[in-house]
Amino acid sequence: MARVKKTNDKRDRIMNAAIASFAQYGYHQATIADVAREAGVAAGTIYLYFKNKDDLLISIFEEKVQRFIQEFHRQLSREKNAQVKLSKLVHLHLVEMQKHPDLAAVFQLELRQSRHFMSAYPKTDLKVYFDLIGDIIEEGQQQGLFRKDVYVSAIKRAFFGALDETVTSWLLAGKNYDLAHMADPLADLFTRGLRE
């Protein structure tokens, strides 16, 4: 059966309903019926757009991450200084997760429980995000702002890991503090460590 085109309001509504359902009930406990009820569609309608629940989860990750990265690229393109870009990326990441707590819960907690997602993980657009981080670090090295004796491949993963763990800790603590306030100290930690 052919999948319906990706630019579809009903498809987006289903994805947003899935985010809310997965965040509320947990990925394994949430059912297609829960998603359908949240989206205001018949359960069978979901299968016109997604093969199954795993496909829905992976699609959420791929499409939402892609949108975030496009927006991050757009905003970072205004900056010339790599150190400013790196700090701004920390802010953008944490602010977006705070603005979309259900999506943050799906990204940080629920995705890791899907065996199918974990096997498909290397094929996702996350590599594009790592490349964005790596490009900023290399740009900082070229500008003479960041030290050249660091391995970019290791630093970009450490940088992402710090963001990832910061958001996960915020979720597990019940979102009871301002995540965006963590941005300055975290950005400072990395930019100081990378400085020439």
C-alpha atoms as a PDB file:
ATOM      1  CA  MET A   1       0.000   0.000   0.000  1.00  0.00           C
ATOM      2  CA  ALA A   2       1.417   3.422  -0.991  1.00  0.00           C
ATOM      3  CA  ARG A   3       2.004   5.880   1.784  1.00  0.00           C
ATOM      4  CA  VAL A   4       0.225   9.207   1.661  1.00  0.00           C
ATOM      5  CA  LYS A   5       2.326  12.292   0.884  1.00  0.00           C
ATOM      6  CA  LYS A   6       4.279  13.680   3.837  1.00  0.00           C
ATOM      7  CA  THR A   7       2.899  17.228   3.573  1.00  0.00           C
ATOM      8  CA  ASN A   8      -0.551  16.396   4.914  1.00  0.00           C
ATOM      9  CA  ASP A   9      -2.430  18.097   7.759  1.00  0.00           C
ATOM     10  CA  LYS A  10      -4.015  14.856   8.951  1.00  0.00           C
ATOM     11  CA  ARG A  11      -0.627  13.153   8.988  1.00  0.00           C
ATOM     12  CA  ASP A  12       0.808  16.000  11.084  1.00  0.00           C
ATOM     13  CA  ARG A  13      -2.188  15.778  13.415  1.00  0.00           C
ATOM     14  CA  ILE A  14      -1.552  12.060  13.893  1.00  0.00           C
ATOM     15  CA  MET A  15       2.136  12.672  14.588  1.00  0.00           C
ATOM     16  CA  ASN A  16       1.334  15.366  17.158  1.00  0.00           C
ATOM     17  CA  ALA A  17      -1.257  13.079  18.762  1.00  0.00           C
ATOM     18  CA  ALA A  18       1.339  10.300  18.917  1.00  0.00           C
ATOM     19  CA  ILE A  19       3.812  12.638  20.635  1.00  0.00           C
ATOM     20  CA  ALA A  20       1.191  13.519  23.266  1.00  0.00           C
ATOM     21  CA  SER A  21       0.152   9.863  23.736  1.00  0.00           C
ATOM     22  CA  PHE A  22       3.704   8.493  23.910  1.00  0.00           C
ATOM     23  CA  ALA A  23       4.668  11.201  26.403  1.00  0.00           C
ATOM     24  CA  GLN A  24       1.588  10.578  28.574  1.00  0.00           C
ATOM     25  CA  TYR A  25       1.368   6.769  28.559  1.00  0.00           C
ATOM     26  CA  GLY A  26       4.854   5.734  27.467  1.00  0.00           C
ATOM     27  CA  TYR A  27       5.659   4.298  24.057  1.00  0.00           C
ATOM     28  CA  HIS A  28       4.997   0.657  24.946  1.00  0.00           C
ATOM     29  CA  GLN A  29       1.773   1.348  26.826  1.00  0.00           C
ATOM     30  CA  ALA A  30       0.290   3.778  24.279  1.00  0.00           C
ATOM     31  CA  THR A  31      -1.856   2.118  21.637  1.00  0.00           C
ATOM     32  CA  ILE A  32      -2.773   3.083  18.100  1.00  0.00           C
ATOM     33  CA  ALA A  33      -6.309   3.560  19.476  1.00  0.00           C
ATOM     34  CA  ASP A  34      -4.944   6.124  21.987  1.00  0.00           C
ATOM     35  CA  VAL A  35      -3.219   7.992  19.167  1.00  0.00           C
ATOM     36  CA  ALA A  36      -6.337   7.862  16.979  1.00  0.00           C
ATOM     37  CA  ARG A  37      -8.524   9.171  19.804  1.00  0.00           C
ATOM     38  CA  GLU A  38      -6.080  12.027  20.490  1.00  0.00           C
ATOM     39  CA  ALA A  39      -5.948  12.875  16.770  1.00  0.00           C
ATOM     40  CA  GLY A  40      -9.716  12.608  16.296  1.00  0.00           C
ATOM     41  CA  VAL A  41      -9.448   9.994  13.539  1.00  0.00           C
ATOM     42  CA  ALA A  42     -10.392   6.335  13.124  1.00  0.00           C
ATOM     43  CA  ALA A  43      -7.642   3.908  14.128  1.00  0.00           C
ATOM     44  CA  GLY A  44      -7.499   2.531  10.569  1.00  0.00           C
ATOM     45  CA  THR A  45      -6.697   5.994   9.228  1.00  0.00           C
ATOM     46  CA  ILE A  46      -3.305   5.890  10.926  1.00  0.00           C
ATOM     47  CA  TYR A  47      -2.276   2.949   8.750  1.00  0.00           C
ATOM     48  CA  LEU A  48      -2.805   5.069   5.631  1.00  0.00           C
ATOM     49  CA  TYR A  49       0.162   7.167   6.758  1.00  0.00           C
ATOM     50  CA  PHE A  50       2.305   4.834   8.882  1.00  0.00           C
ATOM     51  CA  LYS A  51       3.055   1.094   8.691  1.00  0.00           C
ATOM     52  CA  ASN A  52       2.852   0.575  12.446  1.00  0.00           C
ATOM     53  CA  LYS A  53       3.640   2.195  15.791  1.00  0.00           C
ATOM     54  CA  ASP A  54       7.410   1.832  15.305  1.00  0.00           C
ATOM     55  CA  ASP A  55       7.181   3.548  11.928  1.00  0.00           C
ATOM     56  CA  LEU A  56       5.214   6.355  13.551  1.00  0.00           C
ATOM     57  CA  LEU A  57       7.867   6.778  16.269  1.00  0.00           C
ATOM     58  CA  ILE A  58      10.765   6.776  13.791  1.00  0.00           C
ATOM     59  CA  SER A  59       8.915   9.253  11.540  1.00  0.00           C
ATOM     60  CA  ILE A  60       8.405  11.600  14.493  1.00  0.00           C
ATOM     61  CA  PHE A  61      12.107  11.505  15.240  1.00  0.00           C
ATOM     62  CA  GLU A  62      13.285  11.942  11.654  1.00  0.00           C
ATOM     63  CA  GLU A  63      10.868  14.707  10.709  1.00  0.00           C
ATOM     64  CA  LYS A  64      10.976  16.718  13.925  1.00  0.00           C
ATOM     65  CA  VAL A  65      14.769  16.534  14.161  1.00  0.00           C
ATOM     66  CA  GLN A  66      14.999  17.607  10.519  1.00  0.00           C
ATOM     67  CA  ARG A  67      12.805  20.645  11.253  1.00  0.00           C
ATOM     68  CA  PHE A  68      14.865  21.562  14.305  1.00  0.00           C
ATOM     69  CA  ILE A  69      18.111  21.295  12.362  1.00  0.00           C
ATOM     70  CA  GLN A  70      16.776  23.436   9.509  1.00  0.00           C
ATOM     71  CA  GLU A  71      15.718  26.106  11.994  1.00  0.00           C
ATOM     72  CA  PHE A  72      19.050  25.891  13.830  1.00  0.00           C
ATOM     73  CA  HIS A  73      20.918  26.309  10.517  1.00  0.00           C
ATOM     74  CA  ARG A  74      18.751  29.310   9.651  1.00  0.00           C
ATOM     75  CA  GLN A  75      19.397  31.043  12.965  1.00  0.00           C
ATOM     76  CA  LEU A  76      23.094  30.182  13.154  1.00  0.00           C
ATOM     77  CA  SER A  77      23.710  31.442   9.616  1.00  0.00           C
ATOM     78  CA  ARG A  78      23.265  34.991  10.978  1.00  0.00           C
ATOM     79  CA  GLU A  79      26.371  34.609  13.149  1.00  0.00           C
ATOM     80  CA  LYS A  80      29.971  34.853  11.922  1.00  0.00           C
ATOM     81  CA  ASN A  81      31.819  33.984  15.136  1.00  0.00           C
ATOM     82  CA  ALA A  82      32.010  30.213  15.785  1.00  0.00           C
ATOM     83  CA  GLN A  83      32.110  30.671  19.560  1.00  0.00           C
ATOM     84  CA  VAL A  84      28.855  32.656  19.404  1.00  0.00           C
ATOM     85  CA  LYS A  85      27.378  29.966  17.132  1.00  0.00           C
ATOM     86  CA  LEU A  86      28.248  27.180  19.560  1.00  0.00           C
ATOM     87  CA  SER A  87      26.730  29.083  22.490  1.00  0.00           C
ATOM     88  CA  LYS A  88      23.641  29.887  20.455  1.00  0.00           C
ATOM     89  CA  LEU A  89      23.225  26.229  19.495  1.00  0.00           C
ATOM     90  CA  VAL A  90      23.133  25.269  23.191  1.00  0.00           C
ATOM     91  CA  HIS A  91      20.425  27.888  23.781  1.00  0.00           C
ATOM     92  CA  LEU A  92      18.393  26.832  20.746  1.00  0.00           C
ATOM     93  CA  HIS A  93      18.494  23.150  21.715  1.00  0.00           C
ATOM     94  CA  LEU A  94      17.486  23.659  25.348  1.00  0.00           C
ATOM     95  CA  VAL A  95      14.830  26.278  24.596  1.00  0.00           C
ATOM     96  CA  GLU A  96      13.207  24.052  21.944  1.00  0.00           C
ATOM     97  CA  MET A  97      13.096  21.090  24.313  1.00  0.00           C
ATOM     98  CA  GLN A  98      11.588  23.259  27.057  1.00  0.00           C
ATOM     99  CA  LYS A  99       8.989  24.657  24.645  1.00  0.00           C
ATOM    100  CA  HIS A 100       8.040  21.129  23.541  1.00  0.00           C
ATOM    101  CA  PRO A 101       8.210  18.967  26.688  1.00  0.00           C
ATOM    102  CA  ASP A 102       6.150  16.100  25.226  1.00  0.00           C
ATOM    103  CA  LEU A 103       8.474  15.916  22.254  1.00  0.00           C
ATOM    104  CA  ALA A 104      11.471  16.095  24.597  1.00  0.00           C
ATOM    105  CA  ALA A 105      10.066  13.134  26.551  1.00  0.00           C
ATOM    106  CA  VAL A 106       9.613  11.129  23.351  1.00  0.00           C
ATOM    107  CA  PHE A 107      13.129  11.983  22.122  1.00  0.00           C
ATOM    108  CA  GLN A 108      14.906  11.429  25.436  1.00  0.00           C
ATOM    109  CA  LEU A 109      12.982   8.602  27.072  1.00  0.00           C
ATOM    110  CA  GLU A 110      10.650   6.755  24.723  1.00  0.00           C
ATOM    111  CA  LEU A 111      12.809   6.392  21.606  1.00  0.00           C
ATOM    112  CA  ARG A 112      15.412   4.440  23.528  1.00  0.00           C
ATOM    113  CA  GLN A 113      12.825   1.797  24.456  1.00  0.00           C
ATOM    114  CA  SER A 114      12.042   0.914  20.841  1.00  0.00           C
ATOM    115  CA  ARG A 115      14.140  -1.986  19.572  1.00  0.00           C
ATOM    116  CA  HIS A 116      13.257  -1.047  15.982  1.00  0.00           C
ATOM    117  CA  PHE A 117      14.303   2.555  16.501  1.00  0.00           C
ATOM    118  CA  MET A 118      17.621   1.568  18.037  1.00  0.00           C
ATOM    119  CA  SER A 119      18.412  -0.677  15.053  1.00  0.00           C
ATOM    120  CA  ALA A 120      17.438   2.103  12.609  1.00  0.00           C
ATOM    121  CA  TYR A 121      19.192   4.795  14.687  1.00  0.00           C
ATOM    122  CA  PRO A 122      22.396   5.074  12.571  1.00  0.00           C
ATOM    123  CA  LYS A 123      20.274   5.798   9.475  1.00  0.00           C
ATOM    124  CA  THR A 124      18.452   8.782  10.948  1.00  0.00           C
ATOM    125  CA  ASP A 125      19.130  12.464  10.409  1.00  0.00           C
ATOM    126  CA  LEU A 126      20.954  12.700  13.732  1.00  0.00           C
ATOM    127  CA  LYS A 127      24.216  12.521  11.775  1.00  0.00           C
ATOM    128  CA  VAL A 128      23.287  15.882  10.241  1.00  0.00           C
ATOM    129  CA  TYR A 129      23.102  17.367  13.742  1.00  0.00           C
ATOM    130  CA  PHE A 130      26.517  15.944  14.648  1.00  0.00           C
ATOM    131  CA  ASP A 131      27.865  17.402  11.398  1.00  0.00           C
ATOM    132  CA  LEU A 132      26.432  20.823  12.282  1.00  0.00           C
ATOM    133  CA  ILE A 133      28.253  20.727  15.630  1.00  0.00           C
ATOM    134  CA  GLY A 134      31.446  19.515  13.950  1.00  0.00           C
ATOM    135  CA  ASP A 135      31.267  22.255  11.310  1.00  0.00           C
ATOM    136  CA  ILE A 136      31.022  24.935  14.010  1.00  0.00           C
ATOM    137  CA  ILE A 137      34.028  23.507  15.863  1.00  0.00           C
ATOM    138  CA  GLU A 138      36.085  23.335  12.650  1.00  0.00           C
ATOM    139  CA  GLU A 139      35.030  26.892  11.796  1.00  0.00           C
ATOM    140  CA  GLY A 140      36.217  27.995  15.242  1.00  0.00           C
ATOM    141  CA  GLN A 141      39.550  26.283  14.625  1.00  0.00           C
ATOM    142  CA  GLN A 142      39.919  28.100  11.299  1.00  0.00           C
ATOM    143  CA  GLN A 143      39.054  31.412  12.964  1.00  0.00           C
ATOM    144  CA  GLY A 144      41.737  30.790  15.578  1.00  0.00           C
ATOM    145  CA  LEU A 145      39.131  30.697  18.349  1.00  0.00           C
ATOM    146  CA  PHE A 146      39.235  26.978  19.149  1.00  0.00           C
ATOM    147  CA  ARG A 147      42.268  24.843  19.809  1.00  0.00           C
ATOM    148  CA  LYS A 148      43.408  22.597  16.996  1.00  0.00           C
ATOM    149  CA  ASP A 149      44.606  19.725  19.174  1.00  0.00           C
ATOM    150  CA  VAL A 150      41.097  18.336  19.794  1.00  0.00           C
ATOM    151  CA  TYR A 151      39.468  15.534  17.842  1.00  0.00           C
ATOM    152  CA  VAL A 152      36.361  17.073  16.314  1.00  0.00           C
ATOM    153  CA  SER A 153      34.604  13.686  16.032  1.00  0.00           C
ATOM    154  CA  ALA A 154      34.975  13.119  19.790  1.00  0.00           C
ATOM    155  CA  ILE A 155      34.103  16.686  20.817  1.00  0.00           C
ATOM    156  CA  LYS A 156      30.912  16.859  18.764  1.00  0.00           C
ATOM    157  CA  ARG A 157      29.673  13.658  20.426  1.00  0.00           C
ATOM    158  CA  ALA A 158      30.624  14.927  23.884  1.00  0.00           C
ATOM    159  CA  PHE A 159      28.830  18.215  23.139  1.00  0.00           C
ATOM    160  CA  PHE A 160      25.669  16.421  21.998  1.00  0.00           C
ATOM    161  CA  GLY A 161      25.897  14.026  24.940  1.00  0.00           C
ATOM    162  CA  ALA A 162      25.999  16.933  27.383  1.00  0.00           C
ATOM    163  CA  LEU A 163      22.888  18.477  25.802  1.00  0.00           C
ATOM    164  CA  ASP A 164      21.165  15.101  25.747  1.00  0.00           C
ATOM    165  CA  GLU A 165      21.913  14.369  29.411  1.00  0.00           C
ATOM    166  CA  THR A 166      20.894  17.898  30.479  1.00  0.00           C
ATOM    167  CA  VAL A 167      17.453  17.482  28.889  1.00  0.00           C
ATOM    168  CA  THR A 168      17.021  13.933  30.240  1.00  0.00           C
ATOM    169  CA  SER A 169      17.886  15.072  33.791  1.00  0.00           C
ATOM    170  CA  TRP A 170      15.364  17.924  33.491  1.00  0.00           C
ATOM    171  CA  LEU A 171      12.629  15.488  32.419  1.00  0.00           C
ATOM    172  CA  LEU A 172      13.421  12.970  35.163  1.00  0.00           C
ATOM    173  CA  ALA A 173      13.403  15.781  37.752  1.00  0.00           C
ATOM    174  CA  GLY A 174       9.816  16.587  36.756  1.00  0.00           C
ATOM    175  CA  LYS A 175      10.659  19.666  34.650  1.00  0.00           C
ATOM    176  CA  ASN A 176      10.647  21.674  37.885  1.00  0.00           C
ATOM    177  CA  TYR A 177      13.314  24.194  36.866  1.00  0.00           C
ATOM    178  CA  ASP A 178      14.012  26.430  33.898  1.00  0.00           C
ATOM    179  CA  LEU A 179      15.957  24.351  31.402  1.00  0.00           C
ATOM    180  CA  ALA A 180      16.973  27.435  29.414  1.00  0.00           C
ATOM    181  CA  HIS A 181      18.903  28.711  32.473  1.00  0.00           C
ATOM    182  CA  MET A 182      21.254  25.761  32.039  1.00  0.00           C
ATOM    183  CA  ALA A 183      22.340  27.053  28.607  1.00  0.00           C
ATOM    184  CA  ASP A 184      24.877  29.715  29.654  1.00  0.00           C
ATOM    185  CA  PRO A 185      26.910  27.535  32.047  1.00  0.00           C
ATOM    186  CA  LEU A 186      26.876  24.605  29.610  1.00  0.00           C
ATOM    187  CA  ALA A 187      27.900  26.778  26.651  1.00  0.00           C
ATOM    188  CA  ASP A 188      30.621  28.395  28.766  1.00  0.00           C
ATOM    189  CA  LEU A 189      31.981  25.001  29.795  1.00  0.00           C
ATOM    190  CA  PHE A 190      32.476  23.982  26.166  1.00  0.00           C
ATOM    191  CA  THR A 191      33.668  27.281  24.744  1.00  0.00           C
ATOM    192  CA  ARG A 192      36.223  27.736  27.547  1.00  0.00           C
ATOM    193  CA  GLY A 193      37.476  24.211  27.048  1.00  0.00           C
ATOM    194  CA  LEU A 194      37.793  24.718  23.289  1.00  0.00           C
ATOM    195  CA  ARG A 195      39.452  28.118  23.402  1.00  0.00           C
ATOM    196  CA  GLU A 196      42.912  28.535  21.836  1.00  0.00           C
END
